[in-house]
């Protein structure tokens, strides 16, 4: 598992998109509506189509796009900080690894999933992620020595 901006391979896999909202956002998942508070969110998704992880993450980072998926509500309103990726991985397994984090909007990103209540998690400030993800996050946030 690595942390990446657009350094992702053009291979199929799963990812956890790290997003930040600077202001409240009214979001919908089907008929369910909720106000997402400012802060960090983690969205679990998969990339199985042409271009794999690289193409999917590049699309998420676009600001000029037609909203197609639930997560587009967040990518258009907030900031994409990067992604944790797993080549050949499963989005539900990644979501299960985050089960200690709250679900801010039931059904968000999981309308085609029978296993998960949602594929979006709120990441409260100061809460650690699984250790290998936390190490990757710290490496990105820590400036190199002078």
Protein backbone atom coordinates (compact mmCIF):
# COMPACT_ATOMS: atom_id res chain seq x y z
CA UNK A 1 0.00 0.00 0.00
CA UNK A 2 1.35 3.43 -0.92
CA UNK A 3 0.23 7.00 -0.66
CA UNK A 4 -0.06 8.77 -3.97
CA UNK A 5 -1.28 11.83 -5.81
CA UNK A 6 -1.27 10.78 -9.44
CA UNK A 7 1.66 8.36 -9.15
CA UNK A 8 -0.78 5.45 -9.23
CA UNK A 9 -0.28 2.59 -11.68
CA UNK A 10 -2.61 2.05 -14.63
CA UNK A 11 -3.60 -1.27 -13.04
CA UNK A 12 -6.92 -2.29 -11.51
CA UNK A 13 -7.33 -2.02 -7.76
CA UNK A 14 -8.96 -0.26 -4.86
CA UNK A 15 -8.22 3.02 -3.16
CA UNK A 16 -9.13 5.19 -0.21
CA UNK A 17 -9.46 8.80 -1.37
CA UNK A 18 -8.45 11.38 1.26
CA UNK A 19 -10.66 14.47 1.00
CA UNK A 20 -10.95 17.70 2.97
CA UNK A 21 -14.01 19.90 3.18
CA UNK A 22 -13.39 23.49 4.21
CA UNK A 23 -17.08 24.30 4.69
CA UNK A 24 -20.27 22.37 5.42
CA UNK A 25 -21.68 20.47 2.44
CA UNK A 26 -25.22 19.19 1.97
CA UNK A 27 -24.72 15.79 0.32
CA UNK A 28 -27.11 13.14 -0.89
CA UNK A 29 -27.04 9.37 -1.28
CA UNK A 30 -30.28 8.34 -2.94
CA UNK A 31 -33.06 9.83 -0.82
CA UNK A 32 -30.82 10.31 2.23
CA UNK A 33 -29.55 13.86 2.77
CA UNK A 34 -27.00 14.97 5.37
CA UNK A 35 -24.82 17.96 6.09
CA UNK A 36 -21.17 16.96 6.07
CA UNK A 37 -19.19 19.13 8.46
CA UNK A 38 -15.80 20.62 7.55
CA UNK A 39 -12.96 18.18 8.06
CA UNK A 40 -11.31 15.13 6.55
CA UNK A 41 -13.14 12.26 4.89
CA UNK A 42 -12.04 8.91 3.48
CA UNK A 43 -13.89 7.43 0.51
CA UNK A 44 -13.33 3.79 -0.49
CA UNK A 45 -13.61 3.03 -4.18
CA UNK A 46 -12.42 0.70 -6.92
CA UNK A 47 -10.87 1.19 -10.32
CA UNK A 48 -11.41 -1.74 -12.65
CA UNK A 49 -11.85 0.06 -15.98
CA UNK A 50 -9.41 1.30 -18.63
CA UNK A 51 -6.45 3.11 -17.10
CA UNK A 52 -7.07 1.52 -13.70
CA UNK A 53 -6.11 3.41 -10.57
CA UNK A 54 -4.28 6.18 -12.43
CA UNK A 55 -7.30 7.09 -14.56
CA UNK A 56 -9.80 6.92 -11.70
CA UNK A 57 -7.71 9.05 -9.35
CA UNK A 58 -6.99 11.57 -12.12
CA UNK A 59 -10.74 11.94 -12.66
CA UNK A 60 -11.36 12.45 -8.94
CA UNK A 61 -8.84 15.30 -8.96
CA UNK A 62 -10.53 17.16 -11.82
CA UNK A 63 -12.51 20.23 -10.82
CA UNK A 64 -14.18 20.63 -14.21
CA UNK A 65 -16.30 17.50 -14.59
CA UNK A 66 -19.88 16.34 -14.68
CA UNK A 67 -20.98 14.87 -11.36
CA UNK A 68 -21.49 11.13 -11.88
CA UNK A 69 -20.74 9.34 -8.59
CA UNK A 70 -21.67 10.22 -5.01
CA UNK A 71 -18.06 11.12 -4.27
CA UNK A 72 -18.12 13.82 -6.97
CA UNK A 73 -20.11 15.94 -4.52
CA UNK A 74 -17.05 16.03 -2.26
CA UNK A 75 -14.38 16.28 -4.95
CA UNK A 76 -16.14 19.28 -6.51
CA UNK A 77 -16.70 21.07 -3.19
CA UNK A 78 -13.53 20.13 -1.33
CA UNK A 79 -9.90 19.24 -1.83
CA UNK A 80 -8.46 15.85 -2.77
CA UNK A 81 -5.33 15.34 -0.65
CA UNK A 82 -4.30 11.99 -2.13
CA UNK A 83 -5.13 8.32 -1.94
CA UNK A 84 -4.05 5.11 -0.30
CA UNK A 85 -4.00 2.49 -3.06
CA UNK A 86 -3.88 -1.30 -3.31
CA UNK A 87 -3.32 -2.90 -6.70
CA UNK A 88 -5.84 -5.68 -7.15
CA UNK A 89 -7.44 -4.66 -3.84
CA UNK A 90 -11.07 -4.69 -2.76
CA UNK A 91 -12.86 -1.48 -1.73
CA UNK A 92 -14.99 -3.29 0.86
CA UNK A 93 -11.90 -4.72 2.55
CA UNK A 94 -10.40 -1.22 2.72
CA UNK A 95 -13.67 0.09 4.12
CA UNK A 96 -13.69 -2.67 6.75
CA UNK A 97 -10.20 -1.58 7.85
CA UNK A 98 -11.76 1.82 8.66
CA UNK A 99 -14.74 0.45 10.58
CA UNK A 100 -13.79 2.39 13.73
CA UNK A 101 -14.43 5.67 11.87
CA UNK A 102 -17.96 7.10 11.78
CA UNK A 103 -20.23 6.89 8.74
CA UNK A 104 -21.49 10.43 8.05
CA UNK A 105 -24.06 9.50 5.37
CA UNK A 106 -25.54 5.98 5.12
CA UNK A 107 -25.54 4.57 1.59
CA UNK A 108 -22.92 7.03 0.31
CA UNK A 109 -20.82 5.33 -2.36
CA UNK A 110 -22.25 1.91 -1.59
CA UNK A 111 -25.51 1.82 -3.54
CA UNK A 112 -24.20 -1.22 -5.47
CA UNK A 113 -22.69 -2.91 -2.39
CA UNK A 114 -24.50 -5.46 -0.24
CA UNK A 115 -21.77 -5.68 2.43
CA UNK A 116 -21.17 -2.07 3.48
CA UNK A 117 -23.44 0.55 5.06
CA UNK A 118 -21.43 3.25 3.24
CA UNK A 119 -18.06 3.73 1.56
CA UNK A 120 -17.52 7.17 3.10
CA UNK A 121 -15.99 7.67 6.54
CA UNK A 122 -15.42 10.82 8.56
CA UNK A 123 -11.83 11.01 9.83
CA UNK A 124 -11.90 12.96 13.11
CA UNK A 125 -8.85 15.10 13.85
CA UNK A 126 -6.28 13.22 15.93
CA UNK A 127 -7.65 9.73 15.19
CA UNK A 128 -4.97 7.38 13.85
CA UNK A 129 -5.45 5.19 10.81
CA UNK A 130 -4.26 1.57 10.51
CA UNK A 131 -0.48 1.61 11.12
CA UNK A 132 0.79 1.22 7.54
CA UNK A 133 -1.54 4.01 6.35
CA UNK A 134 -0.57 6.19 9.30
CA UNK A 135 3.11 5.78 8.46
CA UNK A 136 2.43 6.80 4.85
CA UNK A 137 0.40 9.82 5.97
CA UNK A 138 3.15 10.98 8.33
CA UNK A 139 5.75 10.60 5.59
CA UNK A 140 3.73 12.90 3.33
CA UNK A 141 3.02 15.50 6.04
CA UNK A 142 6.55 15.58 7.48
CA UNK A 143 8.90 17.91 5.57
CA UNK A 144 12.26 16.39 4.58
CA UNK A 145 15.26 17.34 6.76
CA UNK A 146 17.15 20.43 5.63
